[in-house]
Amino acid sequence: LFFLQLSVIGSTMGTRDELADLMSFCATAGIR
């Protein structure tokens, strides 16, 4: 971890705005 200067990042769920952006991205990219 320290010798290669790696990063470990925790992530939990998301925000209301991110949910709105996600659904817009799915529509734009055509993914389901």
PDB file of all heavy atoms in Angstrom:
ATOM      1  N   LEU A   1       0.816  -1.202   0.000  1.00  0.00           N
ATOM      2  CA  LEU A   1       0.000   0.000   0.000  1.00  0.00           C
ATOM      3  C   LEU A   1       0.854   1.257   0.000  1.00  0.00           C
ATOM      4  O   LEU A   1       0.665   2.162  -0.825  1.00  0.00           O
ATOM      5  CB  LEU A   1      -0.937  -0.009   1.219  1.00  0.00           C
ATOM      6  CG  LEU A   1      -1.909   1.161   1.329  1.00  0.00           C
ATOM      7  CD1 LEU A   1      -3.017   1.036   0.302  1.00  0.00           C
ATOM      8  CD2 LEU A   1      -2.504   1.235   2.737  1.00  0.00           C
ATOM      9  N   PHE A   2       1.828   1.335   0.930  1.00  0.00           N
ATOM     10  CA  PHE A   2       2.596   2.584   0.997  1.00  0.00           C
ATOM     11  C   PHE A   2       3.713   2.635  -0.034  1.00  0.00           C
ATOM     12  O   PHE A   2       4.026   3.691  -0.573  1.00  0.00           O
ATOM     13  CB  PHE A   2       3.120   2.842   2.418  1.00  0.00           C
ATOM     14  CG  PHE A   2       4.187   1.915   2.933  1.00  0.00           C
ATOM     15  CD1 PHE A   2       5.494   1.975   2.470  1.00  0.00           C
ATOM     16  CD2 PHE A   2       3.898   1.005   3.942  1.00  0.00           C
ATOM     17  CE1 PHE A   2       6.491   1.156   2.964  1.00  0.00           C
ATOM     18  CE2 PHE A   2       4.882   0.173   4.448  1.00  0.00           C
ATOM     19  CZ  PHE A   2       6.183   0.239   3.955  1.00  0.00           C
ATOM     20  N   PHE A   3       4.322   1.474  -0.356  1.00  0.00           N
ATOM     21  CA  PHE A   3       5.440   1.504  -1.283  1.00  0.00           C
ATOM     22  C   PHE A   3       4.990   1.876  -2.692  1.00  0.00           C
ATOM     23  O   PHE A   3       5.678   2.626  -3.396  1.00  0.00           O
ATOM     24  CB  PHE A   3       6.155   0.146  -1.299  1.00  0.00           C
ATOM     25  CG  PHE A   3       7.429   0.151  -2.094  1.00  0.00           C
ATOM     26  CD1 PHE A   3       8.567   0.782  -1.609  1.00  0.00           C
ATOM     27  CD2 PHE A   3       7.491  -0.448  -3.337  1.00  0.00           C
ATOM     28  CE1 PHE A   3       9.742   0.797  -2.347  1.00  0.00           C
ATOM     29  CE2 PHE A   3       8.656  -0.436  -4.081  1.00  0.00           C
ATOM     30  CZ  PHE A   3       9.787   0.194  -3.582  1.00  0.00           C
ATOM     31  N   LEU A   4       3.822   1.378  -3.104  1.00  0.00           N
ATOM     32  CA  LEU A   4       3.289   1.685  -4.432  1.00  0.00           C
ATOM     33  C   LEU A   4       2.337   2.877  -4.414  1.00  0.00           C
ATOM     34  O   LEU A   4       1.763   3.228  -5.443  1.00  0.00           O
ATOM     35  CB  LEU A   4       2.572   0.462  -5.012  1.00  0.00           C
ATOM     36  CG  LEU A   4       3.449  -0.757  -5.283  1.00  0.00           C
ATOM     37  CD1 LEU A   4       2.623  -1.888  -5.875  1.00  0.00           C
ATOM     38  CD2 LEU A   4       4.618  -0.418  -6.204  1.00  0.00           C
ATOM     39  N   GLN A   5       2.171   3.494  -3.237  1.00  0.00           N
ATOM     40  CA  GLN A   5       1.331   4.678  -3.078  1.00  0.00           C
ATOM     41  C   GLN A   5      -0.084   4.440  -3.619  1.00  0.00           C
ATOM     42  O   GLN A   5      -0.634   5.229  -4.392  1.00  0.00           O
ATOM     43  CB  GLN A   5       1.973   5.897  -3.751  1.00  0.00           C
ATOM     44  CG  GLN A   5       3.353   6.230  -3.198  1.00  0.00           C
ATOM     45  CD  GLN A   5       3.945   7.475  -3.804  1.00  0.00           C
ATOM     46  OE1 GLN A   5       3.520   8.582  -3.506  1.00  0.00           O
ATOM     47  NE2 GLN A   5       4.925   7.281  -4.678  1.00  0.00           N
ATOM     48  N   LEU A   6      -0.648   3.323  -3.182  1.00  0.00           N
ATOM     49  CA  LEU A   6      -2.003   2.971  -3.588  1.00  0.00           C
ATOM     50  C   LEU A   6      -3.021   3.729  -2.734  1.00  0.00           C
ATOM     51  O   LEU A   6      -2.727   4.159  -1.629  1.00  0.00           O
ATOM     52  CB  LEU A   6      -2.222   1.466  -3.435  1.00  0.00           C
ATOM     53  CG  LEU A   6      -1.189   0.566  -4.122  1.00  0.00           C
ATOM     54  CD1 LEU A   6      -1.511  -0.898  -3.870  1.00  0.00           C
ATOM     55  CD2 LEU A   6      -1.120   0.851  -5.621  1.00  0.00           C
ATOM     56  N   SER A   7      -4.213   3.870  -3.251  1.00  0.00           N
ATOM     57  CA  SER A   7      -5.305   4.513  -2.518  1.00  0.00           C
ATOM     58  C   SER A   7      -6.429   3.506  -2.315  1.00  0.00           C
ATOM     59  O   SER A   7      -6.784   2.767  -3.240  1.00  0.00           O
ATOM     60  CB  SER A   7      -5.849   5.729  -3.279  1.00  0.00           C
ATOM     61  OG  SER A   7      -4.864   6.721  -3.430  1.00  0.00           O
ATOM     62  N   VAL A   8      -6.982   3.498  -1.121  1.00  0.00           N
ATOM     63  CA  VAL A   8      -8.159   2.682  -0.818  1.00  0.00           C
ATOM     64  C   VAL A   8      -9.266   3.640  -0.385  1.00  0.00           C
ATOM     65  O   VAL A   8      -9.101   4.393   0.579  1.00  0.00           O
ATOM     66  CB  VAL A   8      -7.875   1.654   0.284  1.00  0.00           C
ATOM     67  CG1 VAL A   8      -9.153   0.881   0.632  1.00  0.00           C
ATOM     68  CG2 VAL A   8      -6.774   0.691  -0.139  1.00  0.00           C
ATOM     69  N   ILE A   9     -10.369   3.631  -1.105  1.00  0.00           N
ATOM     70  CA  ILE A   9     -11.444   4.598  -0.879  1.00  0.00           C
ATOM     71  C   ILE A   9     -12.742   3.849  -0.593  1.00  0.00           C
ATOM     72  O   ILE A   9     -13.129   2.951  -1.342  1.00  0.00           O
ATOM     73  CB  ILE A   9     -11.625   5.509  -2.103  1.00  0.00           C
ATOM     74  CG1 ILE A   9     -10.351   6.333  -2.334  1.00  0.00           C
ATOM     75  CG2 ILE A   9     -12.833   6.433  -1.929  1.00  0.00           C
ATOM     76  CD1 ILE A   9     -10.392   7.185  -3.587  1.00  0.00           C
ATOM     77  N   GLY A  10     -13.393   4.221   0.488  1.00  0.00           N
ATOM     78  CA  GLY A  10     -14.698   3.659   0.801  1.00  0.00           C
ATOM     79  C   GLY A  10     -15.796   4.439   0.104  1.00  0.00           C
ATOM     80  O   GLY A  10     -15.699   5.641  -0.124  1.00  0.00           O
ATOM     81  N   SER A  11     -16.876   3.735  -0.234  1.00  0.00           N
ATOM     82  CA  SER A  11     -18.003   4.376  -0.910  1.00  0.00           C
ATOM     83  C   SER A  11     -19.289   3.713  -0.441  1.00  0.00           C
ATOM     84  O   SER A  11     -19.377   2.479  -0.382  1.00  0.00           O
ATOM     85  CB  SER A  11     -17.855   4.233  -2.427  1.00  0.00           C
ATOM     86  OG  SER A  11     -18.860   4.941  -3.115  1.00  0.00           O
ATOM     87  N   THR A  12     -20.272   4.528  -0.099  1.00  0.00           N
ATOM     88  CA  THR A  12     -21.546   4.012   0.396  1.00  0.00           C
ATOM     89  C   THR A  12     -22.700   4.706  -0.318  1.00  0.00           C
ATOM     90  O   THR A  12     -22.809   5.931  -0.272  1.00  0.00           O
ATOM     91  CB  THR A  12     -21.687   4.240   1.917  1.00  0.00           C
ATOM     92  OG1 THR A  12     -20.687   3.489   2.593  1.00  0.00           O
ATOM     93  CG2 THR A  12     -23.056   3.800   2.410  1.00  0.00           C
ATOM     94  N   MET A  13     -23.513   3.897  -1.008  1.00  0.00           N
ATOM     95  CA  MET A  13     -24.725   4.397  -1.640  1.00  0.00           C
ATOM     96  C   MET A  13     -24.445   5.632  -2.504  1.00  0.00           C
ATOM     97  O   MET A  13     -23.459   5.669  -3.224  1.00  0.00           O
ATOM     98  CB  MET A  13     -25.786   4.693  -0.576  1.00  0.00           C
ATOM     99  CG  MET A  13     -26.306   3.439   0.114  1.00  0.00           C
ATOM    100  SD  MET A  13     -27.193   2.325  -0.989  1.00  0.00           S
ATOM    101  CE  MET A  13     -28.668   3.274  -1.328  1.00  0.00           C
ATOM    102  N   GLY A  14     -25.299   6.655  -2.416  1.00  0.00           N
ATOM    103  CA  GLY A  14     -25.133   7.864  -3.204  1.00  0.00           C
ATOM    104  C   GLY A  14     -26.189   8.869  -2.804  1.00  0.00           C
ATOM    105  O   GLY A  14     -27.086   8.587  -1.998  1.00  0.00           O
ATOM    106  N   THR A  15     -26.113  10.049  -3.384  1.00  0.00           N
ATOM    107  CA  THR A  15     -27.027  11.126  -3.022  1.00  0.00           C
ATOM    108  C   THR A  15     -28.243  11.138  -3.952  1.00  0.00           C
ATOM    109  O   THR A  15     -28.266  10.492  -5.012  1.00  0.00           O
ATOM    110  CB  THR A  15     -26.328  12.483  -3.120  1.00  0.00           C
ATOM    111  OG1 THR A  15     -26.056  12.764  -4.503  1.00  0.00           O
ATOM    112  CG2 THR A  15     -25.025  12.507  -2.333  1.00  0.00           C
ATOM    113  N   ARG A  16     -29.226  11.933  -3.569  1.00  0.00           N
ATOM    114  CA  ARG A  16     -30.407  12.092  -4.401  1.00  0.00           C
ATOM    115  C   ARG A  16     -30.032  12.679  -5.762  1.00  0.00           C
ATOM    116  O   ARG A  16     -30.532  12.236  -6.802  1.00  0.00           O
ATOM    117  CB  ARG A  16     -31.411  13.009  -3.696  1.00  0.00           C
ATOM    118  CG  ARG A  16     -32.742  13.180  -4.424  1.00  0.00           C
ATOM    119  CD  ARG A  16     -33.600  14.218  -3.730  1.00  0.00           C
ATOM    120  NE  ARG A  16     -34.961  14.246  -4.284  1.00  0.00           N
ATOM    121  CZ  ARG A  16     -35.299  14.855  -5.406  1.00  0.00           C
ATOM    122  NH1 ARG A  16     -34.370  15.502  -6.119  1.00  0.00           N
ATOM    123  NH2 ARG A  16     -36.553  14.827  -5.830  1.00  0.00           N
ATOM    124  N   ASP A  17     -29.139  13.680  -5.760  1.00  0.00           N
ATOM    125  CA  ASP A  17     -28.716  14.289  -7.023  1.00  0.00           C
ATOM    126  C   ASP A  17     -27.973  13.291  -7.900  1.00  0.00           C
ATOM    127  O   ASP A  17     -28.124  13.292  -9.129  1.00  0.00           O
ATOM    128  CB  ASP A  17     -27.838  15.507  -6.759  1.00  0.00           C
ATOM    129  CG  ASP A  17     -28.616  16.688  -6.201  1.00  0.00           C
ATOM    130  OD1 ASP A  17     -29.867  16.672  -6.295  1.00  0.00           O
ATOM    131  OD2 ASP A  17     -27.979  17.621  -5.669  1.00  0.00           O
ATOM    132  N   GLU A  18     -27.166  12.424  -7.276  1.00  0.00           N
ATOM    133  CA  GLU A  18     -26.447  11.415  -8.046  1.00  0.00           C
ATOM    134  C   GLU A  18     -27.415  10.403  -8.650  1.00  0.00           C
ATOM    135  O   GLU A  18     -27.197   9.921  -9.775  1.00  0.00           O
ATOM    136  CB  GLU A  18     -25.404  10.726  -7.164  1.00  0.00           C
ATOM    137  CG  GLU A  18     -24.211  11.626  -6.835  1.00  0.00           C
ATOM    138  CD  GLU A  18     -23.385  11.159  -5.665  1.00  0.00           C
ATOM    139  OE1 GLU A  18     -23.638  10.053  -5.136  1.00  0.00           O
ATOM    140  OE2 GLU A  18     -22.496  11.914  -5.240  1.00  0.00           O
ATOM    141  N   LEU A  19     -28.483  10.081  -7.936  1.00  0.00           N
ATOM    142  CA  LEU A  19     -29.495   9.185  -8.491  1.00  0.00           C
ATOM    143  C   LEU A  19     -30.155   9.812  -9.716  1.00  0.00           C
ATOM    144  O   LEU A  19     -30.367   9.141 -10.731  1.00  0.00           O
ATOM    145  CB  LEU A  19     -30.533   8.848  -7.424  1.00  0.00           C
ATOM    146  CG  LEU A  19     -31.702   7.951  -7.854  1.00  0.00           C
ATOM    147  CD1 LEU A  19     -31.219   6.636  -8.450  1.00  0.00           C
ATOM    148  CD2 LEU A  19     -32.640   7.697  -6.671  1.00  0.00           C
ATOM    149  N   ALA A  20     -30.443  11.098  -9.638  1.00  0.00           N
ATOM    150  CA  ALA A  20     -31.020  11.785 -10.798  1.00  0.00           C
ATOM    151  C   ALA A  20     -30.042  11.778 -11.970  1.00  0.00           C
ATOM    152  O   ALA A  20     -30.432  11.525 -13.125  1.00  0.00           O
ATOM    153  CB  ALA A  20     -31.393  13.216 -10.418  1.00  0.00           C
ATOM    154  N   ASP A  21     -28.765  12.041 -11.685  1.00  0.00           N
ATOM    155  CA  ASP A  21     -27.753  12.037 -12.746  1.00  0.00           C
ATOM    156  C   ASP A  21     -27.581  10.640 -13.338  1.00  0.00           C
ATOM    157  O   ASP A  21     -27.388  10.497 -14.555  1.00  0.00           O
ATOM    158  CB  ASP A  21     -26.415  12.533 -12.199  1.00  0.00           C
ATOM    159  CG  ASP A  21     -26.432  14.012 -11.850  1.00  0.00           C
ATOM    160  OD1 ASP A  21     -27.340  14.729 -12.321  1.00  0.00           O
ATOM    161  OD2 ASP A  21     -25.538  14.453 -11.085  1.00  0.00           O
ATOM    162  N   LEU A  22     -27.618   9.626 -12.489  1.00  0.00           N
ATOM    163  CA  LEU A  22     -27.510   8.245 -12.968  1.00  0.00           C
ATOM    164  C   LEU A  22     -28.606   7.939 -13.976  1.00  0.00           C
ATOM    165  O   LEU A  22     -28.341   7.382 -15.058  1.00  0.00           O
ATOM    166  CB  LEU A  22     -27.601   7.285 -11.776  1.00  0.00           C
ATOM    167  CG  LEU A  22     -27.936   5.823 -12.086  1.00  0.00           C
ATOM    168  CD1 LEU A  22     -26.844   5.184 -12.925  1.00  0.00           C
ATOM    169  CD2 LEU A  22     -28.161   5.034 -10.791  1.00  0.00           C
ATOM    170  N   MET A  23     -29.838   8.288 -13.645  1.00  0.00           N
ATOM    171  CA  MET A  23     -30.935   7.972 -14.554  1.00  0.00           C
ATOM    172  C   MET A  23     -30.821   8.763 -15.859  1.00  0.00           C
ATOM    173  O   MET A  23     -31.137   8.236 -16.938  1.00  0.00           O
ATOM    174  CB  MET A  23     -32.266   8.216 -13.850  1.00  0.00           C
ATOM    175  CG  MET A  23     -32.524   7.200 -12.736  1.00  0.00           C
ATOM    176  SD  MET A  23     -34.195   7.230 -12.047  1.00  0.00           S
ATOM    177  CE  MET A  23     -34.194   8.788 -11.151  1.00  0.00           C
ATOM    178  N   SER A  24     -30.327   9.992 -15.780  1.00  0.00           N
ATOM    179  CA  SER A  24     -30.090  10.768 -17.001  1.00  0.00           C
ATOM    180  C   SER A  24     -28.999  10.128 -17.850  1.00  0.00           C
ATOM    181  O   SER A  24     -29.100  10.056 -19.080  1.00  0.00           O
ATOM    182  CB  SER A  24     -29.705  12.201 -16.642  1.00  0.00           C
ATOM    183  OG  SER A  24     -30.775  12.895 -16.043  1.00  0.00           O
ATOM    184  N   PHE A  25     -27.939   9.646 -17.194  1.00  0.00           N
ATOM    185  CA  PHE A  25     -26.841   9.008 -17.920  1.00  0.00           C
ATOM    186  C   PHE A  25     -27.326   7.742 -18.615  1.00  0.00           C
ATOM    187  O   PHE A  25     -26.975   7.481 -19.776  1.00  0.00           O
ATOM    188  CB  PHE A  25     -25.691   8.688 -16.973  1.00  0.00           C
ATOM    189  CG  PHE A  25     -24.519   8.035 -17.657  1.00  0.00           C
ATOM    190  CD1 PHE A  25     -23.686   8.763 -18.482  1.00  0.00           C
ATOM    191  CD2 PHE A  25     -24.246   6.687 -17.474  1.00  0.00           C
ATOM    192  CE1 PHE A  25     -22.605   8.167 -19.122  1.00  0.00           C
ATOM    193  CE2 PHE A  25     -23.182   6.078 -18.104  1.00  0.00           C
ATOM    194  CZ  PHE A  25     -22.353   6.819 -18.926  1.00  0.00           C
ATOM    195  N   CYS A  26     -28.142   6.944 -17.921  1.00  0.00           N
ATOM    196  CA  CYS A  26     -28.654   5.720 -18.529  1.00  0.00           C
ATOM    197  C   CYS A  26     -29.476   6.037 -19.785  1.00  0.00           C
ATOM    198  O   CYS A  26     -29.371   5.346 -20.800  1.00  0.00           O
ATOM    199  CB  CYS A  26     -29.502   4.948 -17.526  1.00  0.00           C
ATOM    200  SG  CYS A  26     -28.552   4.145 -16.217  1.00  0.00           S
ATOM    201  N   ALA A  27     -30.271   7.104 -19.708  1.00  0.00           N
ATOM    202  CA  ALA A  27     -31.076   7.496 -20.872  1.00  0.00           C
ATOM    203  C   ALA A  27     -30.183   7.961 -22.015  1.00  0.00           C
ATOM    204  O   ALA A  27     -30.387   7.592 -23.183  1.00  0.00           O
ATOM    205  CB  ALA A  27     -32.057   8.588 -20.475  1.00  0.00           C
ATOM    206  N   THR A  28     -29.181   8.771 -21.691  1.00  0.00           N
ATOM    207  CA  THR A  28     -28.286   9.301 -22.716  1.00  0.00           C
ATOM    208  C   THR A  28     -27.450   8.208 -23.369  1.00  0.00           C
ATOM    209  O   THR A  28     -27.256   8.187 -24.591  1.00  0.00           O
ATOM    210  CB  THR A  28     -27.354  10.362 -22.107  1.00  0.00           C
ATOM    211  OG1 THR A  28     -28.138  11.404 -21.533  1.00  0.00           O
ATOM    212  CG2 THR A  28     -26.417  10.937 -23.153  1.00  0.00           C
ATOM    213  N   ALA A  29     -26.946   7.275 -22.537  1.00  0.00           N
ATOM    214  CA  ALA A  29     -26.072   6.219 -23.035  1.00  0.00           C
ATOM    215  C   ALA A  29     -26.849   5.026 -23.584  1.00  0.00           C
ATOM    216  O   ALA A  29     -26.257   4.139 -24.217  1.00  0.00           O
ATOM    217  CB  ALA A  29     -25.145   5.754 -21.909  1.00  0.00           C
ATOM    218  N   GLY A  30     -28.149   4.979 -23.322  1.00  0.00           N
ATOM    219  CA  GLY A  30     -28.956   3.882 -23.816  1.00  0.00           C
ATOM    220  C   GLY A  30     -28.701   2.564 -23.109  1.00  0.00           C
ATOM    221  O   GLY A  30     -28.789   1.489 -23.725  1.00  0.00           O
ATOM    222  N   ILE A  31     -28.368   2.613 -21.813  1.00  0.00           N
ATOM    223  CA  ILE A  31     -28.113   1.380 -21.069  1.00  0.00           C
ATOM    224  C   ILE A  31     -29.233   1.144 -20.058  1.00  0.00           C
ATOM    225  O   ILE A  31     -29.895   2.081 -19.611  1.00  0.00           O
ATOM    226  CB  ILE A  31     -26.742   1.409 -20.350  1.00  0.00           C
ATOM    227  CG1 ILE A  31     -26.620   2.622 -19.416  1.00  0.00           C
ATOM    228  CG2 ILE A  31     -25.621   1.409 -21.376  1.00  0.00           C
ATOM    229  CD1 ILE A  31     -25.329   2.638 -18.614  1.00  0.00           C
ATOM    230  N   ARG A  32     -29.429  -0.116 -19.721  1.00  0.00           N
ATOM    231  CA  ARG A  32     -30.489  -0.520 -18.810  1.00  0.00           C
ATOM    232  C   ARG A  32     -29.934  -1.548 -17.821  1.00  0.00           C
ATOM    233  O   ARG A  32     -29.032  -2.316 -18.165  1.00  0.00           O
ATOM    234  CB  ARG A  32     -31.650  -1.163 -19.576  1.00  0.00           C
ATOM    235  CG  ARG A  32     -32.327  -0.249 -20.564  1.00  0.00           C
ATOM    236  CD  ARG A  32     -33.127   0.838 -19.862  1.00  0.00           C
ATOM    237  NE  ARG A  32     -33.819   1.707 -20.796  1.00  0.00           N
ATOM    238  CZ  ARG A  32     -33.283   2.784 -21.355  1.00  0.00           C
ATOM    239  NH1 ARG A  32     -32.032   3.111 -21.086  1.00  0.00           N
ATOM    240  NH2 ARG A  32     -33.983   3.523 -22.190  1.00  0.00           N
TER     241      ARG A  32
END
